[in-house]
């Protein structure tokens, strides 16, 4: 299934605060999800439409809305689930 990719403003801010090398790795992994949910993706428990993508020590938290992946946070693992 083909997905569109969107970012909420907080996710954009989170990405901008990261080092350029990490930004590149995360964006590369997000782009791979356009064709299917590739990568280390897991559905979050107790949440109906929320998922996480693991990229090293970082977590990309996102929702699937119709045919769009909406990224809403990008955080280090120790802060991602607070």
PDB file of N, CA and C in Angstrom:
ATOM      1  N   UNK A   1       0.837  -1.179   0.000  1.00  0.00           N
ATOM      2  CA  UNK A   1       0.000   0.000   0.000  1.00  0.00           C
ATOM      3  C   UNK A   1       0.883   1.243   0.000  1.00  0.00           C
ATOM      4  N   UNK A   2       0.537   2.217  -0.797  1.00  0.00           N
ATOM      5  CA  UNK A   2       1.296   3.467  -0.913  1.00  0.00           C
ATOM      6  C   UNK A   2       0.766   4.480   0.105  1.00  0.00           C
ATOM      7  N   UNK A   3       1.668   5.033   0.914  1.00  0.00           N
ATOM      8  CA  UNK A   3       1.301   6.005   1.932  1.00  0.00           C
ATOM      9  C   UNK A   3       1.879   7.373   1.589  1.00  0.00           C
ATOM     10  N   UNK A   4       1.159   8.411   1.960  1.00  0.00           N
ATOM     11  CA  UNK A   4       1.701   9.759   1.941  1.00  0.00           C
ATOM     12  C   UNK A   4       2.392  10.006   3.273  1.00  0.00           C
ATOM     13  N   UNK A   5       3.343  10.912   3.282  1.00  0.00           N
ATOM     14  CA  UNK A   5       4.090  11.217   4.503  1.00  0.00           C
ATOM     15  C   UNK A   5       3.801  12.663   4.893  1.00  0.00           C
ATOM     16  N   UNK A   6       3.439  12.881   6.152  1.00  0.00           N
ATOM     17  CA  UNK A   6       3.189  14.227   6.664  1.00  0.00           C
ATOM     18  C   UNK A   6       3.860  14.369   8.027  1.00  0.00           C
ATOM     19  N   UNK A   7       4.154  15.611   8.384  1.00  0.00           N
ATOM     20  CA  UNK A   7       4.792  15.906   9.668  1.00  0.00           C
ATOM     21  C   UNK A   7       3.986  16.960  10.411  1.00  0.00           C
ATOM     22  N   UNK A   8       3.746  16.717  11.676  1.00  0.00           N
ATOM     23  CA  UNK A   8       3.143  17.745  12.529  1.00  0.00           C
ATOM     24  C   UNK A   8       4.258  18.720  12.920  1.00  0.00           C
ATOM     25  N   UNK A   9       3.909  19.955  13.278  1.00  0.00           N
ATOM     26  CA  UNK A   9       4.934  20.956  13.614  1.00  0.00           C
ATOM     27  C   UNK A   9       5.915  20.512  14.706  1.00  0.00           C
ATOM     28  N   UNK A  10       5.447  19.793  15.724  1.00  0.00           N
ATOM     29  CA  UNK A  10       6.364  19.344  16.785  1.00  0.00           C
ATOM     30  C   UNK A  10       7.394  18.352  16.252  1.00  0.00           C
ATOM     31  N   UNK A  11       6.995  17.503  15.306  1.00  0.00           N
ATOM     32  CA  UNK A  11       7.938  16.548  14.718  1.00  0.00           C
ATOM     33  C   UNK A  11       9.005  17.284  13.915  1.00  0.00           C
ATOM     34  N   UNK A  12       8.607  18.333  13.198  1.00  0.00           N
ATOM     35  CA  UNK A  12       9.573  19.135  12.436  1.00  0.00           C
ATOM     36  C   UNK A  12      10.563  19.788  13.392  1.00  0.00           C
ATOM     37  N   UNK A  13      10.068  20.335  14.490  1.00  0.00           N
ATOM     38  CA  UNK A  13      10.955  20.961  15.484  1.00  0.00           C
ATOM     39  C   UNK A  13      11.897  19.927  16.095  1.00  0.00           C
ATOM     40  N   UNK A  14      11.350  18.756  16.434  1.00  0.00           N
ATOM     41  CA  UNK A  14      12.189  17.689  16.990  1.00  0.00           C
ATOM     42  C   UNK A  14      13.324  17.343  16.033  1.00  0.00           C
ATOM     43  N   UNK A  15      13.006  17.213  14.751  1.00  0.00           N
ATOM     44  CA  UNK A  15      14.026  16.866  13.753  1.00  0.00           C
ATOM     45  C   UNK A  15      15.083  17.953  13.641  1.00  0.00           C
ATOM     46  N   UNK A  16      14.660  19.200  13.620  1.00  0.00           N
ATOM     47  CA  UNK A  16      15.608  20.312  13.489  1.00  0.00           C
ATOM     48  C   UNK A  16      16.583  20.378  14.658  1.00  0.00           C
ATOM     49  N   UNK A  17      16.159  19.913  15.814  1.00  0.00           N
ATOM     50  CA  UNK A  17      17.017  19.957  17.001  1.00  0.00           C
ATOM     51  C   UNK A  17      18.070  18.846  17.022  1.00  0.00           C
ATOM     52  N   UNK A  18      17.967  17.888  16.109  1.00  0.00           N
ATOM     53  CA  UNK A  18      18.898  16.755  16.073  1.00  0.00           C
ATOM     54  C   UNK A  18      20.099  17.071  15.187  1.00  0.00           C
ATOM     55  N   UNK A  19      21.224  16.376  15.394  1.00  0.00           N
ATOM     56  CA  UNK A  19      22.377  16.535  14.503  1.00  0.00           C
ATOM     57  C   UNK A  19      22.015  16.137  13.069  1.00  0.00           C
ATOM     58  N   UNK A  20      22.649  16.763  12.097  1.00  0.00           N
ATOM     59  CA  UNK A  20      22.344  16.537  10.673  1.00  0.00           C
ATOM     60  C   UNK A  20      22.462  15.066  10.280  1.00  0.00           C
ATOM     61  N   UNK A  21      23.457  14.364  10.787  1.00  0.00           N
ATOM     62  CA  UNK A  21      23.642  12.956  10.448  1.00  0.00           C
ATOM     63  C   UNK A  21      22.438  12.126  10.896  1.00  0.00           C
ATOM     64  N   UNK A  22      21.959  12.374  12.093  1.00  0.00           N
ATOM     65  CA  UNK A  22      20.796  11.655  12.626  1.00  0.00           C
ATOM     66  C   UNK A  22      19.547  12.033  11.831  1.00  0.00           C
ATOM     67  N   UNK A  23      19.395  13.316  11.504  1.00  0.00           N
ATOM     68  CA  UNK A  23      18.250  13.758  10.697  1.00  0.00           C
ATOM     69  C   UNK A  23      18.177  12.973   9.394  1.00  0.00           C
ATOM     70  N   UNK A  24      19.314  12.843   8.730  1.00  0.00           N
ATOM     71  CA  UNK A  24      19.365  12.125   7.458  1.00  0.00           C
ATOM     72  C   UNK A  24      18.950  10.674   7.596  1.00  0.00           C
ATOM     73  N   UNK A  25      19.447  10.007   8.627  1.00  0.00           N
ATOM     74  CA  UNK A  25      19.091   8.600   8.846  1.00  0.00           C
ATOM     75  C   UNK A  25      17.597   8.444   9.103  1.00  0.00           C
ATOM     76  N   UNK A  26      17.046   9.327   9.924  1.00  0.00           N
ATOM     77  CA  UNK A  26      15.621   9.246  10.259  1.00  0.00           C
ATOM     78  C   UNK A  26      14.768   9.511   9.024  1.00  0.00           C
ATOM     79  N   UNK A  27      15.097  10.538   8.261  1.00  0.00           N
ATOM     80  CA  UNK A  27      14.311  10.849   7.062  1.00  0.00           C
ATOM     81  C   UNK A  27      14.391   9.723   6.035  1.00  0.00           C
ATOM     82  N   UNK A  28      15.544   9.090   5.931  1.00  0.00           N
ATOM     83  CA  UNK A  28      15.699   7.954   5.017  1.00  0.00           C
ATOM     84  C   UNK A  28      14.765   6.809   5.419  1.00  0.00           C
ATOM     85  N   UNK A  29      14.710   6.502   6.709  1.00  0.00           N
ATOM     86  CA  UNK A  29      13.839   5.417   7.196  1.00  0.00           C
ATOM     87  C   UNK A  29      12.362   5.770   7.016  1.00  0.00           C
ATOM     88  N   UNK A  30      12.015   7.034   7.223  1.00  0.00           N
ATOM     89  CA  UNK A  30      10.623   7.455   7.035  1.00  0.00           C
ATOM     90  C   UNK A  30      10.221   7.309   5.570  1.00  0.00           C
ATOM     91  N   UNK A  31      11.106   7.676   4.652  1.00  0.00           N
ATOM     92  CA  UNK A  31      10.795   7.548   3.227  1.00  0.00           C
ATOM     93  C   UNK A  31      10.598   6.098   2.820  1.00  0.00           C
ATOM     94  N   UNK A  32      11.305   5.174   3.452  1.00  0.00           N
ATOM     95  CA  UNK A  32      11.130   3.759   3.141  1.00  0.00           C
ATOM     96  C   UNK A  32       9.731   3.269   3.497  1.00  0.00           C
ATOM     97  N   UNK A  33       9.058   3.958   4.413  1.00  0.00           N
ATOM     98  CA  UNK A  33       7.719   3.542   4.825  1.00  0.00           C
ATOM     99  C   UNK A  33       6.643   3.942   3.821  1.00  0.00           C
ATOM    100  N   UNK A  34       6.981   4.704   2.782  1.00  0.00           N
ATOM    101  CA  UNK A  34       5.984   5.126   1.798  1.00  0.00           C
ATOM    102  C   UNK A  34       5.319   3.941   1.111  1.00  0.00           C
ATOM    103  N   UNK A  35       6.085   2.906   0.802  1.00  0.00           N
ATOM    104  CA  UNK A  35       5.529   1.768   0.065  1.00  0.00           C
ATOM    105  C   UNK A  35       4.879   0.726   0.963  1.00  0.00           C
ATOM    106  N   UNK A  36       5.370   0.554   2.139  1.00  0.00           N
ATOM    107  CA  UNK A  36       4.721  -0.246   3.175  1.00  0.00           C
ATOM    108  C   UNK A  36       5.408   0.105   4.491  1.00  0.00           C
ATOM    109  N   UNK A  37       4.942  -0.417   5.555  1.00  0.00           N
ATOM    110  CA  UNK A  37       5.522  -0.068   6.851  1.00  0.00           C
ATOM    111  C   UNK A  37       6.820  -0.832   7.064  1.00  0.00           C
ATOM    112  N   UNK A  38       7.832  -0.480   6.267  1.00  0.00           N
ATOM    113  CA  UNK A  38       9.128  -1.148   6.329  1.00  0.00           C
ATOM    114  C   UNK A  38       9.928  -0.626   7.515  1.00  0.00           C
ATOM    115  N   UNK A  39      10.844  -1.440   7.966  1.00  0.00           N
ATOM    116  CA  UNK A  39      11.711  -1.047   9.066  1.00  0.00           C
ATOM    117  C   UNK A  39      11.228  -1.635  10.375  1.00  0.00           C
ATOM    118  N   UNK A  40      11.804  -1.166  11.441  1.00  0.00           N
ATOM    119  CA  UNK A  40      11.463  -1.655  12.778  1.00  0.00           C
ATOM    120  C   UNK A  40      10.256  -0.873  13.292  1.00  0.00           C
ATOM    121  N   UNK A  41       9.075  -1.250  12.797  1.00  0.00           N
ATOM    122  CA  UNK A  41       7.823  -0.572  13.137  1.00  0.00           C
ATOM    123  C   UNK A  41       7.006  -1.476  14.047  1.00  0.00           C
ATOM    124  N   UNK A  42       6.482  -0.904  15.119  1.00  0.00           N
ATOM    125  CA  UNK A  42       5.597  -1.649  16.014  1.00  0.00           C
ATOM    126  C   UNK A  42       4.400  -0.785  16.364  1.00  0.00           C
ATOM    127  N   UNK A  43       3.253  -1.440  16.477  1.00  0.00           N
ATOM    128  CA  UNK A  43       2.056  -0.751  16.938  1.00  0.00           C
ATOM    129  C   UNK A  43       2.171  -0.579  18.447  1.00  0.00           C
ATOM    130  N   UNK A  44       1.872   0.616  18.931  1.00  0.00           N
ATOM    131  CA  UNK A  44       1.948   0.872  20.363  1.00  0.00           C
ATOM    132  C   UNK A  44       0.757   0.236  21.058  1.00  0.00           C
ATOM    133  N   UNK A  45       1.012  -0.399  22.170  1.00  0.00           N
ATOM    134  CA  UNK A  45      -0.075  -1.039  22.912  1.00  0.00           C
ATOM    135  C   UNK A  45      -0.945   0.025  23.569  1.00  0.00           C
ATOM    136  N   UNK A  46      -2.191  -0.284  23.724  1.00  0.00           N
ATOM    137  CA  UNK A  46      -3.180   0.609  24.335  1.00  0.00           C
ATOM    138  C   UNK A  46      -3.510   1.833  23.489  1.00  0.00           C
ATOM    139  N   UNK A  47      -3.014   1.888  22.273  1.00  0.00           N
ATOM    140  CA  UNK A  47      -3.340   2.985  21.366  1.00  0.00           C
ATOM    141  C   UNK A  47      -3.830   2.360  20.068  1.00  0.00           C
ATOM    142  N   UNK A  48      -4.907   2.874  19.523  1.00  0.00           N
ATOM    143  CA  UNK A  48      -5.510   2.221  18.368  1.00  0.00           C
ATOM    144  C   UNK A  48      -4.786   2.489  17.063  1.00  0.00           C
ATOM    145  N   UNK A  49      -4.331   3.708  16.837  1.00  0.00           N
ATOM    146  CA  UNK A  49      -3.748   4.033  15.533  1.00  0.00           C
ATOM    147  C   UNK A  49      -2.309   4.507  15.620  1.00  0.00           C
ATOM    148  N   UNK A  50      -1.655   4.337  16.749  1.00  0.00           N
ATOM    149  CA  UNK A  50      -0.318   4.882  16.925  1.00  0.00           C
ATOM    150  C   UNK A  50       0.752   3.801  16.795  1.00  0.00           C
ATOM    151  N   UNK A  51       1.854   4.196  16.148  1.00  0.00           N
ATOM    152  CA  UNK A  51       2.968   3.296  15.878  1.00  0.00           C
ATOM    153  C   UNK A  51       4.261   4.003  16.238  1.00  0.00           C
ATOM    154  N   UNK A  52       5.336   3.214  16.272  1.00  0.00           N
ATOM    155  CA  UNK A  52       6.660   3.804  16.432  1.00  0.00           C
ATOM    156  C   UNK A  52       7.611   3.147  15.447  1.00  0.00           C
ATOM    157  N   UNK A  53       8.549   3.958  14.970  1.00  0.00           N
ATOM    158  CA  UNK A  53       9.635   3.493  14.113  1.00  0.00           C
ATOM    159  C   UNK A  53      10.912   3.677  14.906  1.00  0.00           C
ATOM    160  N   UNK A  54      11.699   2.617  15.018  1.00  0.00           N
ATOM    161  CA  UNK A  54      12.968   2.696  15.744  1.00  0.00           C
ATOM    162  C   UNK A  54      14.082   2.980  14.754  1.00  0.00           C
ATOM    163  N   UNK A  55      14.844   4.031  15.030  1.00  0.00           N
ATOM    164  CA  UNK A  55      16.029   4.376  14.240  1.00  0.00           C
ATOM    165  C   UNK A  55      17.154   4.589  15.246  1.00  0.00           C
ATOM    166  N   UNK A  56      17.939   3.544  15.487  1.00  0.00           N
ATOM    167  CA  UNK A  56      18.996   3.624  16.495  1.00  0.00           C
ATOM    168  C   UNK A  56      18.398   3.877  17.866  1.00  0.00           C
ATOM    169  N   UNK A  57      18.869   4.926  18.544  1.00  0.00           N
ATOM    170  CA  UNK A  57      18.354   5.272  19.869  1.00  0.00           C
ATOM    171  C   UNK A  57      17.191   6.255  19.808  1.00  0.00           C
ATOM    172  N   UNK A  58      16.666   6.505  18.616  1.00  0.00           N
ATOM    173  CA  UNK A  58      15.569   7.453  18.442  1.00  0.00           C
ATOM    174  C   UNK A  58      14.293   6.725  18.062  1.00  0.00           C
ATOM    175  N   UNK A  59      13.158   7.346  18.406  1.00  0.00           N
ATOM    176  CA  UNK A  59      11.854   6.801  18.073  1.00  0.00           C
ATOM    177  C   UNK A  59      11.065   7.856  17.315  1.00  0.00           C
ATOM    178  N   UNK A  60      10.484   7.437  16.205  1.00  0.00           N
ATOM    179  CA  UNK A  60       9.586   8.291  15.434  1.00  0.00           C
ATOM    180  C   UNK A  60       8.180   7.798  15.757  1.00  0.00           C
ATOM    181  N   UNK A  61       7.385   8.639  16.374  1.00  0.00           N
ATOM    182  CA  UNK A  61       6.022   8.270  16.740  1.00  0.00           C
ATOM    183  C   UNK A  61       5.086   8.802  15.663  1.00  0.00           C
ATOM    184  N   UNK A  62       4.202   7.936  15.172  1.00  0.00           N
ATOM    185  CA  UNK A  62       3.325   8.351  14.078  1.00  0.00           C
ATOM    186  C   UNK A  62       1.982   7.654  14.156  1.00  0.00           C
ATOM    187  N   UNK A  63       1.034   8.215  13.417  1.00  0.00           N
ATOM    188  CA  UNK A  63      -0.302   7.649  13.287  1.00  0.00           C
ATOM    189  C   UNK A  63      -0.559   7.392  11.815  1.00  0.00           C
ATOM    190  N   UNK A  64      -1.451   6.463  11.545  1.00  0.00           N
ATOM    191  CA  UNK A  64      -1.888   6.238  10.170  1.00  0.00           C
ATOM    192  C   UNK A  64      -3.310   6.763  10.067  1.00  0.00           C
ATOM    193  N   UNK A  65      -3.493   7.748   9.199  1.00  0.00           N
ATOM    194  CA  UNK A  65      -4.807   8.339   8.948  1.00  0.00           C
ATOM    195  C   UNK A  65      -5.132   8.108   7.479  1.00  0.00           C
ATOM    196  N   UNK A  66      -6.066   7.222   7.212  1.00  0.00           N
ATOM    197  CA  UNK A  66      -6.427   6.819   5.852  1.00  0.00           C
ATOM    198  C   UNK A  66      -5.185   6.283   5.141  1.00  0.00           C
ATOM    199  N   UNK A  67      -4.669   7.013   4.160  1.00  0.00           N
ATOM    200  CA  UNK A  67      -3.479   6.557   3.430  1.00  0.00           C
ATOM    201  C   UNK A  67      -2.282   7.460   3.714  1.00  0.00           C
ATOM    202  N   UNK A  68      -2.284   8.114   4.859  1.00  0.00           N
ATOM    203  CA  UNK A  68      -1.188   9.003   5.229  1.00  0.00           C
ATOM    204  C   UNK A  68      -0.537   8.557   6.528  1.00  0.00           C
ATOM    205  N   UNK A  69       0.778   8.650   6.554  1.00  0.00           N
ATOM    206  CA  UNK A  69       1.543   8.458   7.781  1.00  0.00           C
ATOM    207  C   UNK A  69       1.819   9.852   8.324  1.00  0.00           C
ATOM    208  N   UNK A  70       1.291  10.142   9.504  1.00  0.00           N
ATOM    209  CA  UNK A  70       1.451  11.461  10.113  1.00  0.00           C
ATOM    210  C   UNK A  70       2.418  11.328  11.283  1.00  0.00           C
ATOM    211  N   UNK A  71       3.624  11.843  11.085  1.00  0.00           N
ATOM    212  CA  UNK A  71       4.661  11.807  12.121  1.00  0.00           C
ATOM    213  C   UNK A  71       4.397  12.939  13.104  1.00  0.00           C
ATOM    214  N   UNK A  72       4.308  12.597  14.400  1.00  0.00           N
ATOM    215  CA  UNK A  72       4.000  13.654  15.356  1.00  0.00           C
ATOM    216  C   UNK A  72       5.093  13.898  16.387  1.00  0.00           C
ATOM    217  N   UNK A  73       6.050  13.009  16.551  1.00  0.00           N
ATOM    218  CA  UNK A  73       7.183  13.260  17.451  1.00  0.00           C
ATOM    219  C   UNK A  73       8.397  12.465  16.988  1.00  0.00           C
ATOM    220  N   UNK A  74       9.586  13.029  17.227  1.00  0.00           N
ATOM    221  CA  UNK A  74      10.860  12.343  17.005  1.00  0.00           C
ATOM    222  C   UNK A  74      11.686  12.613  18.256  1.00  0.00           C
ATOM    223  N   UNK A  75      11.918  11.567  19.044  1.00  0.00           N
ATOM    224  CA  UNK A  75      12.565  11.747  20.345  1.00  0.00           C
ATOM    225  C   UNK A  75      13.571  10.637  20.614  1.00  0.00           C
ATOM    226  N   UNK A  76      14.563  10.908  21.486  1.00  0.00           N
ATOM    227  CA  UNK A  76      15.413   9.817  21.963  1.00  0.00           C
ATOM    228  C   UNK A  76      14.552   8.811  22.714  1.00  0.00           C
ATOM    229  N   UNK A  77      14.962   7.579  22.721  1.00  0.00           N
ATOM    230  CA  UNK A  77      14.153   6.520  23.310  1.00  0.00           C
ATOM    231  C   UNK A  77      13.734   6.820  24.747  1.00  0.00           C
ATOM    232  N   UNK A  78      14.662   7.345  25.546  1.00  0.00           N
ATOM    233  CA  UNK A  78      14.353   7.564  26.963  1.00  0.00           C
ATOM    234  C   UNK A  78      13.325   8.674  27.198  1.00  0.00           C
ATOM    235  N   UNK A  79      13.038   9.484  26.188  1.00  0.00           N
ATOM    236  CA  UNK A  79      12.052  10.563  26.334  1.00  0.00           C
ATOM    237  C   UNK A  79      10.818  10.364  25.455  1.00  0.00           C
ATOM    238  N   UNK A  80      10.835   9.367  24.604  1.00  0.00           N
ATOM    239  CA  UNK A  80       9.776   9.206  23.605  1.00  0.00           C
ATOM    240  C   UNK A  80       8.428   8.848  24.191  1.00  0.00           C
ATOM    241  N   UNK A  81       8.408   8.103  25.267  1.00  0.00           N
ATOM    242  CA  UNK A  81       7.136   7.581  25.771  1.00  0.00           C
ATOM    243  C   UNK A  81       6.638   8.302  27.019  1.00  0.00           C
ATOM    244  N   UNK A  82       7.180   9.469  27.300  1.00  0.00           N
ATOM    245  CA  UNK A  82       6.762  10.225  28.491  1.00  0.00           C
ATOM    246  C   UNK A  82       5.537  11.057  28.193  1.00  0.00           C
TER     247      UNK A  82
END
